[in-house]
């Protein structure tokens, strides 16, 4: 599949998705959102792709969020939903249990921050900043931001950020638990790949089951979450990898995961 506003590349088991609109600080408009949706659908449906890394082109921005210039010039298109996908492709109503890593290479604002929060692991360049500035331009973080930020950090801090539309730097994001690691820009992709390769060391179906069970379990008590039935857990329980793990341990060798 060809893409105009993003790039999609697979190296081994890792997929790299890069937003390529540097002239707009990688801001997203409906055609770019649709391409991201299609890219992550391609990743989700590829049995040989086990981990994805998403980043932005350049060193200024991961994504500055909604392309307000495009929005102002194409309001009828927006209102008619002529081209629509969940913001950034994966921020809402998108089910993917494969691990996704966000390599935040600069500003992640508004929809860009929502896109980052949709990732399972976030690596940030030390100059990056995140925030939900939508109220400053008469909008809201309606692609999940108003719901996800209070689940990532303490409610009072989240409310302070959202109601004042202020941003925080990478060090503060790490302190609050938004980022897993903060590194110099030059080390960003290598660090994201380090995490991806560590994920590839575990059984892929175990990783997917763990992701699904953790996220879906958040909506209920531990007791209810424990008794719930999960589709990815069922796949793990029926997999060859479930036997391969203990066998490899007993034979003192690395396991040969097949994802089956």
C-alpha atoms as a PDB file:
ATOM      1  CA  UNK A   1       0.000   0.000   0.000  1.00  0.00           C
ATOM      2  CA  UNK A   2       1.323   3.418  -0.931  1.00  0.00           C
ATOM      3  CA  UNK A   3       1.346   6.326   1.509  1.00  0.00           C
ATOM      4  CA  UNK A   4       1.729  10.061   0.920  1.00  0.00           C
ATOM      5  CA  UNK A   5       1.783  11.580   4.402  1.00  0.00           C
ATOM      6  CA  UNK A   6       3.446   8.767   6.351  1.00  0.00           C
ATOM      7  CA  UNK A   7       5.971   6.022   5.707  1.00  0.00           C
ATOM      8  CA  UNK A   8       5.627   2.351   6.572  1.00  0.00           C
ATOM      9  CA  UNK A   9       8.631   0.051   6.800  1.00  0.00           C
ATOM     10  CA  UNK A  10       9.098  -3.437   8.210  1.00  0.00           C
ATOM     11  CA  UNK A  11      12.458  -4.732   9.397  1.00  0.00           C
ATOM     12  CA  UNK A  12      12.202  -8.271  10.648  1.00  0.00           C
ATOM     13  CA  UNK A  13       9.387  -8.374  13.193  1.00  0.00           C
ATOM     14  CA  UNK A  14       9.387  -4.593  13.786  1.00  0.00           C
ATOM     15  CA  UNK A  15       7.226  -2.122  11.861  1.00  0.00           C
ATOM     16  CA  UNK A  16       8.225   1.551  11.659  1.00  0.00           C
ATOM     17  CA  UNK A  17       5.483   4.122  11.068  1.00  0.00           C
ATOM     18  CA  UNK A  18       6.699   7.695  10.531  1.00  0.00           C
ATOM     19  CA  UNK A  19       4.547  10.796  10.163  1.00  0.00           C
ATOM     20  CA  UNK A  20       5.991  12.814   7.279  1.00  0.00           C
ATOM     21  CA  UNK A  21       4.532  16.317   7.311  1.00  0.00           C
ATOM     22  CA  UNK A  22       7.459  18.299   8.746  1.00  0.00           C
ATOM     23  CA  UNK A  23       6.307  21.500   7.013  1.00  0.00           C
ATOM     24  CA  UNK A  24       3.264  21.365   9.357  1.00  0.00           C
ATOM     25  CA  UNK A  25       5.168  20.047  12.406  1.00  0.00           C
ATOM     26  CA  UNK A  26       3.736  16.643  11.514  1.00  0.00           C
ATOM     27  CA  UNK A  27       0.241  17.928  12.260  1.00  0.00           C
ATOM     28  CA  UNK A  28      -2.482  15.565  11.136  1.00  0.00           C
ATOM     29  CA  UNK A  29      -5.363  16.194   8.769  1.00  0.00           C
ATOM     30  CA  UNK A  30      -8.065  13.679   7.748  1.00  0.00           C
ATOM     31  CA  UNK A  31      -6.051  12.144   4.861  1.00  0.00           C
ATOM     32  CA  UNK A  32      -3.059  11.589   7.173  1.00  0.00           C
ATOM     33  CA  UNK A  33      -5.297  10.165   9.891  1.00  0.00           C
ATOM     34  CA  UNK A  34      -6.739   7.734   7.370  1.00  0.00           C
ATOM     35  CA  UNK A  35      -3.262   6.684   6.255  1.00  0.00           C
ATOM     36  CA  UNK A  36      -2.245   6.044   9.859  1.00  0.00           C
ATOM     37  CA  UNK A  37      -5.377   3.991  10.359  1.00  0.00           C
ATOM     38  CA  UNK A  38      -4.569   1.966   7.253  1.00  0.00           C
ATOM     39  CA  UNK A  39      -0.934   1.553   8.347  1.00  0.00           C
ATOM     40  CA  UNK A  40      -1.858   0.203  11.761  1.00  0.00           C
ATOM     41  CA  UNK A  41      -4.490  -2.026  10.204  1.00  0.00           C
ATOM     42  CA  UNK A  42      -1.747  -3.400   7.942  1.00  0.00           C
ATOM     43  CA  UNK A  43       0.466  -3.940  10.996  1.00  0.00           C
ATOM     44  CA  UNK A  44      -2.355  -5.543  12.954  1.00  0.00           C
ATOM     45  CA  UNK A  45      -3.184  -7.966  10.148  1.00  0.00           C
ATOM     46  CA  UNK A  46       0.403  -9.007   9.375  1.00  0.00           C
ATOM     47  CA  UNK A  47       1.220 -12.223  11.283  1.00  0.00           C
ATOM     48  CA  UNK A  48       4.939 -11.599  10.821  1.00  0.00           C
ATOM     49  CA  UNK A  49       4.833  -8.094  12.389  1.00  0.00           C
ATOM     50  CA  UNK A  50       5.018  -8.289  16.175  1.00  0.00           C
ATOM     51  CA  UNK A  51       5.939  -4.773  17.391  1.00  0.00           C
ATOM     52  CA  UNK A  52       5.416  -1.285  15.955  1.00  0.00           C
ATOM     53  CA  UNK A  53       7.311   1.959  16.535  1.00  0.00           C
ATOM     54  CA  UNK A  54       5.675   5.247  15.591  1.00  0.00           C
ATOM     55  CA  UNK A  55       7.581   8.529  15.341  1.00  0.00           C
ATOM     56  CA  UNK A  56       7.649  11.798  13.415  1.00  0.00           C
ATOM     57  CA  UNK A  57       9.995  13.214  10.800  1.00  0.00           C
ATOM     58  CA  UNK A  58      12.635  15.665  12.019  1.00  0.00           C
ATOM     59  CA  UNK A  59      13.583  16.871  15.473  1.00  0.00           C
ATOM     60  CA  UNK A  60      10.888  19.487  16.123  1.00  0.00           C
ATOM     61  CA  UNK A  61       7.695  17.521  16.386  1.00  0.00           C
ATOM     62  CA  UNK A  62       6.296  14.054  16.878  1.00  0.00           C
ATOM     63  CA  UNK A  63       2.973  15.618  15.919  1.00  0.00           C
ATOM     64  CA  UNK A  64       1.585  19.059  16.697  1.00  0.00           C
ATOM     65  CA  UNK A  65      -1.901  17.561  16.595  1.00  0.00           C
ATOM     66  CA  UNK A  66      -4.777  18.711  14.455  1.00  0.00           C
ATOM     67  CA  UNK A  67      -3.779  20.628  11.332  1.00  0.00           C
ATOM     68  CA  UNK A  68      -5.765  23.773  12.129  1.00  0.00           C
ATOM     69  CA  UNK A  69      -4.897  25.466   8.833  1.00  0.00           C
ATOM     70  CA  UNK A  70      -6.346  22.535   6.902  1.00  0.00           C
ATOM     71  CA  UNK A  71      -9.325  22.374   9.240  1.00  0.00           C
ATOM     72  CA  UNK A  72     -10.129  26.059   8.778  1.00  0.00           C
ATOM     73  CA  UNK A  73      -9.925  25.724   5.008  1.00  0.00           C
ATOM     74  CA  UNK A  74     -11.889  22.483   4.773  1.00  0.00           C
ATOM     75  CA  UNK A  75     -14.533  22.820   7.471  1.00  0.00           C
ATOM     76  CA  UNK A  76     -17.294  21.347   5.309  1.00  0.00           C
ATOM     77  CA  UNK A  77     -15.228  18.214   4.796  1.00  0.00           C
ATOM     78  CA  UNK A  78     -14.720  17.888   8.546  1.00  0.00           C
ATOM     79  CA  UNK A  79     -18.397  18.382   9.312  1.00  0.00           C
ATOM     80  CA  UNK A  80     -19.514  15.902   6.661  1.00  0.00           C
ATOM     81  CA  UNK A  81     -17.105  13.216   7.888  1.00  0.00           C
ATOM     82  CA  UNK A  82     -16.135  12.672   4.249  1.00  0.00           C
ATOM     83  CA  UNK A  83     -12.708  11.418   5.281  1.00  0.00           C
ATOM     84  CA  UNK A  84     -12.612  10.241   8.846  1.00  0.00           C
ATOM     85  CA  UNK A  85     -10.596   7.844  10.972  1.00  0.00           C
ATOM     86  CA  UNK A  86      -9.867   7.853  14.688  1.00  0.00           C
ATOM     87  CA  UNK A  87      -7.387  10.677  15.306  1.00  0.00           C
ATOM     88  CA  UNK A  88      -3.977   9.356  14.382  1.00  0.00           C
ATOM     89  CA  UNK A  89      -5.540   6.026  13.495  1.00  0.00           C
ATOM     90  CA  UNK A  90      -5.318   4.336  16.905  1.00  0.00           C
ATOM     91  CA  UNK A  91      -6.550   6.824  19.500  1.00  0.00           C
ATOM     92  CA  UNK A  92     -10.058   5.378  19.786  1.00  0.00           C
ATOM     93  CA  UNK A  93     -12.209   2.538  18.462  1.00  0.00           C
ATOM     94  CA  UNK A  94      -9.183   0.618  17.255  1.00  0.00           C
ATOM     95  CA  UNK A  95      -8.341  -2.786  18.695  1.00  0.00           C
ATOM     96  CA  UNK A  96      -4.740  -3.906  18.393  1.00  0.00           C
ATOM     97  CA  UNK A  97      -3.177  -6.156  21.013  1.00  0.00           C
ATOM     98  CA  UNK A  98       0.293  -6.107  19.499  1.00  0.00           C
ATOM     99  CA  UNK A  99       2.706  -3.807  21.399  1.00  0.00           C
ATOM    100  CA  UNK A 100       3.141  -0.272  20.030  1.00  0.00           C
ATOM    101  CA  UNK A 101       6.011   2.037  21.024  1.00  0.00           C
ATOM    102  CA  UNK A 102       5.880   5.802  20.634  1.00  0.00           C
ATOM    103  CA  UNK A 103       9.226   7.463  19.879  1.00  0.00           C
ATOM    104  CA  UNK A 104       8.372  11.074  20.701  1.00  0.00           C
ATOM    105  CA  UNK A 105      10.957  13.146  18.853  1.00  0.00           C
ATOM    106  CA  UNK A 106       9.586  16.611  19.677  1.00  0.00           C
ATOM    107  CA  UNK A 107       6.278  18.344  20.336  1.00  0.00           C
ATOM    108  CA  UNK A 108       3.420  15.916  20.984  1.00  0.00           C
ATOM    109  CA  UNK A 109       0.500  18.285  21.361  1.00  0.00           C
ATOM    110  CA  UNK A 110      -3.243  17.815  21.167  1.00  0.00           C
ATOM    111  CA  UNK A 111      -3.924  14.907  18.860  1.00  0.00           C
ATOM    112  CA  UNK A 112      -0.191  14.213  18.775  1.00  0.00           C
ATOM    113  CA  UNK A 113      -0.250  13.653  22.526  1.00  0.00           C
ATOM    114  CA  UNK A 114      -3.392  11.555  22.194  1.00  0.00           C
ATOM    115  CA  UNK A 115      -1.564   9.454  19.606  1.00  0.00           C
ATOM    116  CA  UNK A 116       1.403   9.035  21.962  1.00  0.00           C
ATOM    117  CA  UNK A 117      -0.872   8.044  24.848  1.00  0.00           C
ATOM    118  CA  UNK A 118      -2.401   5.370  22.598  1.00  0.00           C
ATOM    119  CA  UNK A 119       1.016   3.678  22.554  1.00  0.00           C
ATOM    120  CA  UNK A 120       1.938   1.103  25.200  1.00  0.00           C
ATOM    121  CA  UNK A 121       5.450   2.424  25.787  1.00  0.00           C
ATOM    122  CA  UNK A 122       6.635   6.006  25.278  1.00  0.00           C
ATOM    123  CA  UNK A 123      10.264   6.983  24.724  1.00  0.00           C
ATOM    124  CA  UNK A 124      10.835  10.756  24.653  1.00  0.00           C
ATOM    125  CA  UNK A 125      13.669  12.902  23.352  1.00  0.00           C
ATOM    126  CA  UNK A 126      14.876  15.146  26.155  1.00  0.00           C
ATOM    127  CA  UNK A 127      13.712  18.318  24.375  1.00  0.00           C
ATOM    128  CA  UNK A 128      10.192  17.028  23.702  1.00  0.00           C
ATOM    129  CA  UNK A 129       7.054  18.504  25.237  1.00  0.00           C
ATOM    130  CA  UNK A 130       3.516  17.162  25.605  1.00  0.00           C
ATOM    131  CA  UNK A 131       0.170  18.795  26.295  1.00  0.00           C
ATOM    132  CA  UNK A 132      -3.468  19.206  25.337  1.00  0.00           C
ATOM    133  CA  UNK A 133      -3.772  22.827  24.147  1.00  0.00           C
ATOM    134  CA  UNK A 134      -7.116  22.413  22.348  1.00  0.00           C
ATOM    135  CA  UNK A 135      -9.108  24.839  24.576  1.00  0.00           C
ATOM    136  CA  UNK A 136      -6.796  27.665  23.466  1.00  0.00           C
ATOM    137  CA  UNK A 137      -8.285  27.362  19.976  1.00  0.00           C
ATOM    138  CA  UNK A 138     -11.853  26.593  21.017  1.00  0.00           C
ATOM    139  CA  UNK A 139     -11.576  22.804  20.778  1.00  0.00           C
ATOM    140  CA  UNK A 140     -11.374  19.844  23.170  1.00  0.00           C
ATOM    141  CA  UNK A 141      -9.109  16.797  23.267  1.00  0.00           C
ATOM    142  CA  UNK A 142     -11.988  14.676  22.031  1.00  0.00           C
ATOM    143  CA  UNK A 143      -9.985  11.817  20.535  1.00  0.00           C
ATOM    144  CA  UNK A 144      -9.473  10.307  23.964  1.00  0.00           C
ATOM    145  CA  UNK A 145      -7.209  12.885  25.588  1.00  0.00           C
ATOM    146  CA  UNK A 146      -9.721  14.111  28.165  1.00  0.00           C
ATOM    147  CA  UNK A 147     -10.266  10.519  29.267  1.00  0.00           C
ATOM    148  CA  UNK A 148      -6.771   9.076  28.923  1.00  0.00           C
ATOM    149  CA  UNK A 149      -4.672  11.780  30.572  1.00  0.00           C
ATOM    150  CA  UNK A 150      -6.484  11.409  33.947  1.00  0.00           C
ATOM    151  CA  UNK A 151      -5.769   7.679  33.694  1.00  0.00           C
ATOM    152  CA  UNK A 152      -2.078   8.269  33.043  1.00  0.00           C
ATOM    153  CA  UNK A 153      -1.367  10.802  35.795  1.00  0.00           C
ATOM    154  CA  UNK A 154      -3.013  12.068  39.020  1.00  0.00           C
ATOM    155  CA  UNK A 155      -6.380  13.700  38.383  1.00  0.00           C
ATOM    156  CA  UNK A 156      -5.500  17.138  39.792  1.00  0.00           C
ATOM    157  CA  UNK A 157      -2.384  17.397  37.643  1.00  0.00           C
ATOM    158  CA  UNK A 158      -4.316  16.219  34.588  1.00  0.00           C
ATOM    159  CA  UNK A 159      -7.076  18.753  35.250  1.00  0.00           C
ATOM    160  CA  UNK A 160      -4.503  21.494  35.711  1.00  0.00           C
ATOM    161  CA  UNK A 161      -2.913  20.679  32.366  1.00  0.00           C
ATOM    162  CA  UNK A 162      -6.220  20.442  30.516  1.00  0.00           C
ATOM    163  CA  UNK A 163      -7.978  23.464  32.000  1.00  0.00           C
ATOM    164  CA  UNK A 164      -5.005  25.772  31.481  1.00  0.00           C
ATOM    165  CA  UNK A 165      -3.984  24.131  28.175  1.00  0.00           C
ATOM    166  CA  UNK A 166      -0.357  24.047  29.320  1.00  0.00           C
ATOM    167  CA  UNK A 167       2.371  21.651  28.284  1.00  0.00           C
ATOM    168  CA  UNK A 168       5.083  19.845  30.241  1.00  0.00           C
ATOM    169  CA  UNK A 169       8.616  18.876  29.256  1.00  0.00           C
ATOM    170  CA  UNK A 170      10.062  15.396  28.915  1.00  0.00           C
ATOM    171  CA  UNK A 171      11.611  15.353  32.387  1.00  0.00           C
ATOM    172  CA  UNK A 172       8.251  16.147  33.978  1.00  0.00           C
ATOM    173  CA  UNK A 173       6.499  13.612  31.765  1.00  0.00           C
ATOM    174  CA  UNK A 174       8.918  10.964  32.982  1.00  0.00           C
ATOM    175  CA  UNK A 175       8.448  12.020  36.616  1.00  0.00           C
ATOM    176  CA  UNK A 176       4.680  11.719  36.260  1.00  0.00           C
ATOM    177  CA  UNK A 177       4.905   8.305  34.581  1.00  0.00           C
ATOM    178  CA  UNK A 178       3.872   9.309  31.067  1.00  0.00           C
ATOM    179  CA  UNK A 179       7.256   8.367  29.573  1.00  0.00           C
ATOM    180  CA  UNK A 180       9.117   5.116  30.122  1.00  0.00           C
ATOM    181  CA  UNK A 181      12.476   6.659  29.258  1.00  0.00           C
ATOM    182  CA  UNK A 182      13.915  10.045  28.262  1.00  0.00           C
ATOM    183  CA  UNK A 183      17.045  10.151  26.112  1.00  0.00           C
ATOM    184  CA  UNK A 184      18.941  12.588  23.867  1.00  0.00           C
ATOM    185  CA  UNK A 185      17.432  12.978  20.419  1.00  0.00           C
ATOM    186  CA  UNK A 186      20.374  11.143  18.834  1.00  0.00           C
ATOM    187  CA  UNK A 187      19.572   8.056  20.935  1.00  0.00           C
ATOM    188  CA  UNK A 188      15.786   8.092  20.505  1.00  0.00           C
ATOM    189  CA  UNK A 189      15.291   5.480  17.795  1.00  0.00           C
ATOM    190  CA  UNK A 190      18.013   3.196  19.118  1.00  0.00           C
ATOM    191  CA  UNK A 191      16.318   3.270  22.511  1.00  0.00           C
ATOM    192  CA  UNK A 192      12.905   2.553  20.993  1.00  0.00           C
ATOM    193  CA  UNK A 193      14.452  -0.365  19.109  1.00  0.00           C
ATOM    194  CA  UNK A 194      16.035  -1.598  22.335  1.00  0.00           C
ATOM    195  CA  UNK A 195      12.593  -1.796  23.910  1.00  0.00           C
ATOM    196  CA  UNK A 196      11.158  -3.415  20.781  1.00  0.00           C
ATOM    197  CA  UNK A 197      13.852  -6.085  20.760  1.00  0.00           C
ATOM    198  CA  UNK A 198      13.279  -6.769  24.439  1.00  0.00           C
ATOM    199  CA  UNK A 199       9.608  -7.317  23.636  1.00  0.00           C
ATOM    200  CA  UNK A 200      10.608  -9.698  20.841  1.00  0.00           C
ATOM    201  CA  UNK A 201      12.380 -11.840  23.428  1.00  0.00           C
ATOM    202  CA  UNK A 202       9.056 -12.737  25.054  1.00  0.00           C
ATOM    203  CA  UNK A 203       6.358 -14.951  23.580  1.00  0.00           C
ATOM    204  CA  UNK A 204       4.271 -12.749  21.240  1.00  0.00           C
ATOM    205  CA  UNK A 205       0.952 -14.271  22.232  1.00  0.00           C
ATOM    206  CA  UNK A 206       1.835 -13.825  25.901  1.00  0.00           C
ATOM    207  CA  UNK A 207       2.592 -10.154  25.237  1.00  0.00           C
ATOM    208  CA  UNK A 208      -0.704  -9.653  23.412  1.00  0.00           C
ATOM    209  CA  UNK A 209      -2.694 -11.438  26.091  1.00  0.00           C
ATOM    210  CA  UNK A 210      -0.984  -9.369  28.782  1.00  0.00           C
ATOM    211  CA  UNK A 211      -1.816  -6.129  26.928  1.00  0.00           C
ATOM    212  CA  UNK A 212      -5.458  -7.023  26.397  1.00  0.00           C
ATOM    213  CA  UNK A 213      -5.987  -8.277  29.939  1.00  0.00           C
ATOM    214  CA  UNK A 214      -4.328  -5.229  31.489  1.00  0.00           C
ATOM    215  CA  UNK A 215      -6.265  -2.650  29.480  1.00  0.00           C
ATOM    216  CA  UNK A 216      -9.642  -4.348  29.545  1.00  0.00           C
ATOM    217  CA  UNK A 217      -9.259  -5.181  33.205  1.00  0.00           C
ATOM    218  CA  UNK A 218      -8.872  -1.513  34.126  1.00  0.00           C
ATOM    219  CA  UNK A 219     -12.596  -0.985  33.662  1.00  0.00           C
ATOM    220  CA  UNK A 220     -13.547  -3.298  36.521  1.00  0.00           C
ATOM    221  CA  UNK A 221     -12.462  -4.553  39.918  1.00  0.00           C
ATOM    222  CA  UNK A 222      -9.573  -6.994  40.170  1.00  0.00           C
ATOM    223  CA  UNK A 223     -12.024  -9.778  41.048  1.00  0.00           C
ATOM    224  CA  UNK A 224     -14.185  -9.151  37.994  1.00  0.00           C
ATOM    225  CA  UNK A 225     -11.149  -8.657  35.749  1.00  0.00           C
ATOM    226  CA  UNK A 226      -9.667 -11.930  36.996  1.00  0.00           C
ATOM    227  CA  UNK A 227     -12.790 -13.925  36.088  1.00  0.00           C
ATOM    228  CA  UNK A 228     -13.316 -12.277  32.709  1.00  0.00           C
ATOM    229  CA  UNK A 229     -12.676 -14.223  29.503  1.00  0.00           C
ATOM    230  CA  UNK A 230     -10.159 -12.677  27.102  1.00  0.00           C
ATOM    231  CA  UNK A 231      -9.766 -13.574  23.436  1.00  0.00           C
ATOM    232  CA  UNK A 232      -5.969 -13.153  23.443  1.00  0.00           C
ATOM    233  CA  UNK A 233      -5.641 -15.271  26.573  1.00  0.00           C
ATOM    234  CA  UNK A 234      -7.549 -18.041  24.806  1.00  0.00           C
ATOM    235  CA  UNK A 235      -5.124 -17.861  21.862  1.00  0.00           C
ATOM    236  CA  UNK A 236      -2.178 -18.016  24.256  1.00  0.00           C
ATOM    237  CA  UNK A 237      -3.602 -21.017  26.120  1.00  0.00           C
ATOM    238  CA  UNK A 238      -4.027 -22.930  22.850  1.00  0.00           C
ATOM    239  CA  UNK A 239      -0.622 -21.968  21.428  1.00  0.00           C
ATOM    240  CA  UNK A 240       2.477 -24.035  20.718  1.00  0.00           C
ATOM    241  CA  UNK A 241       4.529 -21.252  22.310  1.00  0.00           C
ATOM    242  CA  UNK A 242       2.944 -22.030  25.679  1.00  0.00           C
ATOM    243  CA  UNK A 243       4.720 -25.397  25.576  1.00  0.00           C
ATOM    244  CA  UNK A 244       7.874 -24.053  23.903  1.00  0.00           C
ATOM    245  CA  UNK A 245       8.668 -21.718  26.799  1.00  0.00           C
ATOM    246  CA  UNK A 246       8.953 -24.334  29.563  1.00  0.00           C
ATOM    247  CA  UNK A 247      10.651 -26.741  27.134  1.00  0.00           C
ATOM    248  CA  UNK A 248      13.328 -24.199  26.198  1.00  0.00           C
ATOM    249  CA  UNK A 249      13.868 -23.398  29.871  1.00  0.00           C
ATOM    250  CA  UNK A 250      14.310 -27.086  30.706  1.00  0.00           C
ATOM    251  CA  UNK A 251      16.715 -27.554  27.800  1.00  0.00           C
ATOM    252  CA  UNK A 252      18.643 -24.389  28.750  1.00  0.00           C
ATOM    253  CA  UNK A 253      18.245 -22.713  25.363  1.00  0.00           C
ATOM    254  CA  UNK A 254      16.526 -19.664  23.942  1.00  0.00           C
ATOM    255  CA  UNK A 255      12.906 -20.297  23.017  1.00  0.00           C
ATOM    256  CA  UNK A 256      11.900 -20.356  19.370  1.00  0.00           C
ATOM    257  CA  UNK A 257       8.714 -18.315  19.372  1.00  0.00           C
ATOM    258  CA  UNK A 258       6.411 -18.796  16.406  1.00  0.00           C
ATOM    259  CA  UNK A 259       3.374 -16.824  17.508  1.00  0.00           C
ATOM    260  CA  UNK A 260       1.293 -19.947  17.023  1.00  0.00           C
END
